C-alpha atoms as a PDB file:
ATOM      1  CA  MET A   1      27.644 -16.068  13.135  1.00  0.00           C
ATOM      2  CA  LEU A   2      23.944 -16.462  13.814  1.00  0.00           C
ATOM      3  CA  ASP A   3      21.890 -18.635  11.539  1.00  0.00           C
ATOM      4  CA  PRO A   4      20.086 -16.423   8.970  1.00  0.00           C
ATOM      5  CA  LYS A   5      16.772 -18.044   9.962  1.00  0.00           C
ATOM      6  CA  GLN A   6      17.347 -17.051  13.591  1.00  0.00           C
ATOM      7  CA  LEU A   7      18.227 -13.529  12.504  1.00  0.00           C
ATOM      8  CA  ASP A   8      15.032 -13.304  10.414  1.00  0.00           C
ATOM      9  CA  GLU A   9      12.969 -14.616  13.329  1.00  0.00           C
ATOM     10  CA  LEU A  10      14.512 -12.082  15.725  1.00  0.00           C
ATOM     11  CA  ALA A  11      13.840  -9.230  13.292  1.00  0.00           C
ATOM     12  CA  ARG A  12      10.254 -10.460  12.813  1.00  0.00           C
ATOM     13  CA  ARG A  13       9.634 -10.575  16.575  1.00  0.00           C
ATOM     14  CA  LEU A  14      11.089  -7.114  17.081  1.00  0.00           C
ATOM     15  CA  SER A  15       8.949  -5.614  14.341  1.00  0.00           C
ATOM     16  CA  ALA A  16       5.845  -7.403  15.704  1.00  0.00           C
ATOM     17  CA  ALA A  17       6.457  -5.748  19.077  1.00  0.00           C
ATOM     18  CA  MET A  18       6.249  -2.287  17.509  1.00  0.00           C
ATOM     19  CA  PRO A  19       3.118  -0.145  18.015  1.00  0.00           C
ATOM     20  CA  LYS A  20       0.247  -0.782  15.571  1.00  0.00           C
ATOM     21  CA  GLY A  21       0.929   2.387  13.583  1.00  0.00           C
ATOM     22  CA  MET A  22       4.478   1.230  12.942  1.00  0.00           C
ATOM     23  CA  GLN A  23       3.404  -2.262  11.875  1.00  0.00           C
ATOM     24  CA  VAL A  24       2.170  -0.812   8.574  1.00  0.00           C
ATOM     25  CA  LEU A  25       5.821  -0.472   7.688  1.00  0.00           C
ATOM     26  CA  GLN A  26       6.524  -3.968   8.998  1.00  0.00           C
ATOM     27  CA  GLU A  27       8.288  -5.366   5.923  1.00  0.00           C
ATOM     28  CA  ASP A  28      10.628  -2.384   5.604  1.00  0.00           C
ATOM     29  CA  LEU A  29      11.155  -2.407   9.339  1.00  0.00           C
ATOM     30  CA  GLN A  30      12.034  -6.125   9.321  1.00  0.00           C
ATOM     31  CA  ARG A  31      14.607  -5.642   6.556  1.00  0.00           C
ATOM     32  CA  SER A  32      16.114  -2.673   8.341  1.00  0.00           C
ATOM     33  CA  MET A  33      16.243  -4.434  11.711  1.00  0.00           C
ATOM     34  CA  ARG A  34      17.742  -7.555  10.155  1.00  0.00           C
ATOM     35  CA  ALA A  35      20.494  -5.533   8.474  1.00  0.00           C
ATOM     36  CA  THR A  36      21.198  -3.623  11.689  1.00  0.00           C
ATOM     37  CA  LEU A  37      21.269  -6.799  13.785  1.00  0.00           C
ATOM     38  CA  GLU A  38      23.514  -8.576  11.290  1.00  0.00           C
ATOM     39  CA  ALA A  39      25.975  -5.668  11.171  1.00  0.00           C
ATOM     40  CA  GLY A  40      26.074  -5.423  14.962  1.00  0.00           C
ATOM     41  CA  LEU A  41      26.569  -9.147  15.459  1.00  0.00           C
ATOM     42  CA  ASN A  42      29.300  -9.277  12.808  1.00  0.00           C
ATOM     43  CA  ARG A  43      31.256  -6.669  14.753  1.00  0.00           C
ATOM     44  CA  LEU A  44      31.146  -8.847  17.879  1.00  0.00           C
ATOM     45  CA  ASP A  45      33.473 -11.436  16.300  1.00  0.00           C
ATOM     46  CA  LEU A  46      31.438 -14.366  17.651  1.00  0.00           C
ATOM     47  CA  VAL A  47      32.239 -18.049  17.193  1.00  0.00           C
ATOM     48  CA  THR A  48      29.833 -20.925  16.823  1.00  0.00           C
ATOM     49  CA  ARG A  49      29.269 -23.440  19.617  1.00  0.00           C
ATOM     50  CA  GLU A  50      30.977 -26.054  17.437  1.00  0.00           C
ATOM     51  CA  GLU A  51      34.110 -23.893  17.035  1.00  0.00           C
ATOM     52  CA  PHE A  52      34.133 -23.192  20.774  1.00  0.00           C
ATOM     53  CA  ASP A  53      33.826 -26.895  21.636  1.00  0.00           C
ATOM     54  CA  ILE A  54      36.663 -27.791  19.253  1.00  0.00           C
ATOM     55  CA  GLN A  55      38.943 -25.180  20.809  1.00  0.00           C
ATOM     56  CA  ALA A  56      37.988 -26.326  24.327  1.00  0.00           C
ATOM     57  CA  ALA A  57      38.976 -29.900  23.374  1.00  0.00           C
ATOM     58  CA  VAL A  58      42.297 -28.699  21.940  1.00  0.00           C
ATOM     59  CA  LEU A  59      42.955 -26.760  25.141  1.00  0.00           C
ATOM     60  CA  ALA A  60      42.122 -29.799  27.294  1.00  0.00           C
ATOM     61  CA  ARG A  61      44.549 -31.983  25.303  1.00  0.00           C
ATOM     62  CA  SER A  62      47.253 -29.312  25.528  1.00  0.00           C
ATOM     63  CA  ARG A  63      46.719 -28.995  29.271  1.00  0.00           C
ATOM     64  CA  ALA A  64      47.000 -32.776  29.720  1.00  0.00           C
ATOM     65  CA  LYS A  65      50.249 -32.848  27.707  1.00  0.00           C
ATOM     66  CA  LEU A  66      51.634 -29.946  29.744  1.00  0.00           C
ATOM     67  CA  GLU A  67      50.814 -31.704  33.015  1.00  0.00           C
ATOM     68  CA  ALA A  68      52.498 -34.905  31.761  1.00  0.00           C
ATOM     69  CA  LEU A  69      55.606 -32.944  30.749  1.00  0.00           C
ATOM     70  CA  GLU A  70      55.712 -31.147  34.112  1.00  0.00           C
ATOM     71  CA  ALA A  71      55.510 -34.517  35.897  1.00  0.00           C
ATOM     72  CA  ARG A  72      58.292 -35.929  33.701  1.00  0.00           C
ATOM     73  CA  ILE A  73      60.521 -32.909  34.386  1.00  0.00           C
ATOM     74  CA  ALA A  74      59.937 -33.252  38.123  1.00  0.00           C
ATOM     75  CA  GLU A  75      60.821 -36.943  37.878  1.00  0.00           C
ATOM     76  CA  LEU A  76      64.028 -36.196  35.934  1.00  0.00           C
ATOM     77  CA  GLU A  77      65.010 -33.468  38.391  1.00  0.00           C
ATOM     78  CA  GLN A  78      64.462 -35.844  41.290  1.00  0.00           C
ATOM     79  CA  SER A  79      66.573 -38.532  39.556  1.00  0.00           C
ATOM     80  CA  ALA A  80      69.313 -35.987  38.880  1.00  0.00           C
ATOM     81  CA  ARG A  81      69.336 -34.913  42.546  1.00  0.00           C
ATOM     82  CA  ALA A  82      69.390 -38.555  43.705  1.00  0.00           C
ATOM     83  CA  GLY A  83      72.310 -39.288  41.377  1.00  0.00           C
ATOM     84  CA  LYS A  84      74.374 -36.413  42.857  1.00  0.00           C
ATOM     85  CA  VAL A  85      73.989 -37.642  46.445  1.00  0.00           C
END
């Protein structure tokens, strides 16, 4: 989820970009844009950078374990074949 301060800043910048006649309604427009942006971003099911980095680290550890297990299996298979000969 986006930081509420970032969301407020984005809504403020969008309302500031509106034509002068619309800026009279700036406060209402900011509230409306913020609510619309927040609802839209909530539907995107986003994760924070921290959550992403944690999951990337978990994946890297899992991948390393998988590679070690694959190497061990290959070694055991080779030993089993050598024992049969």
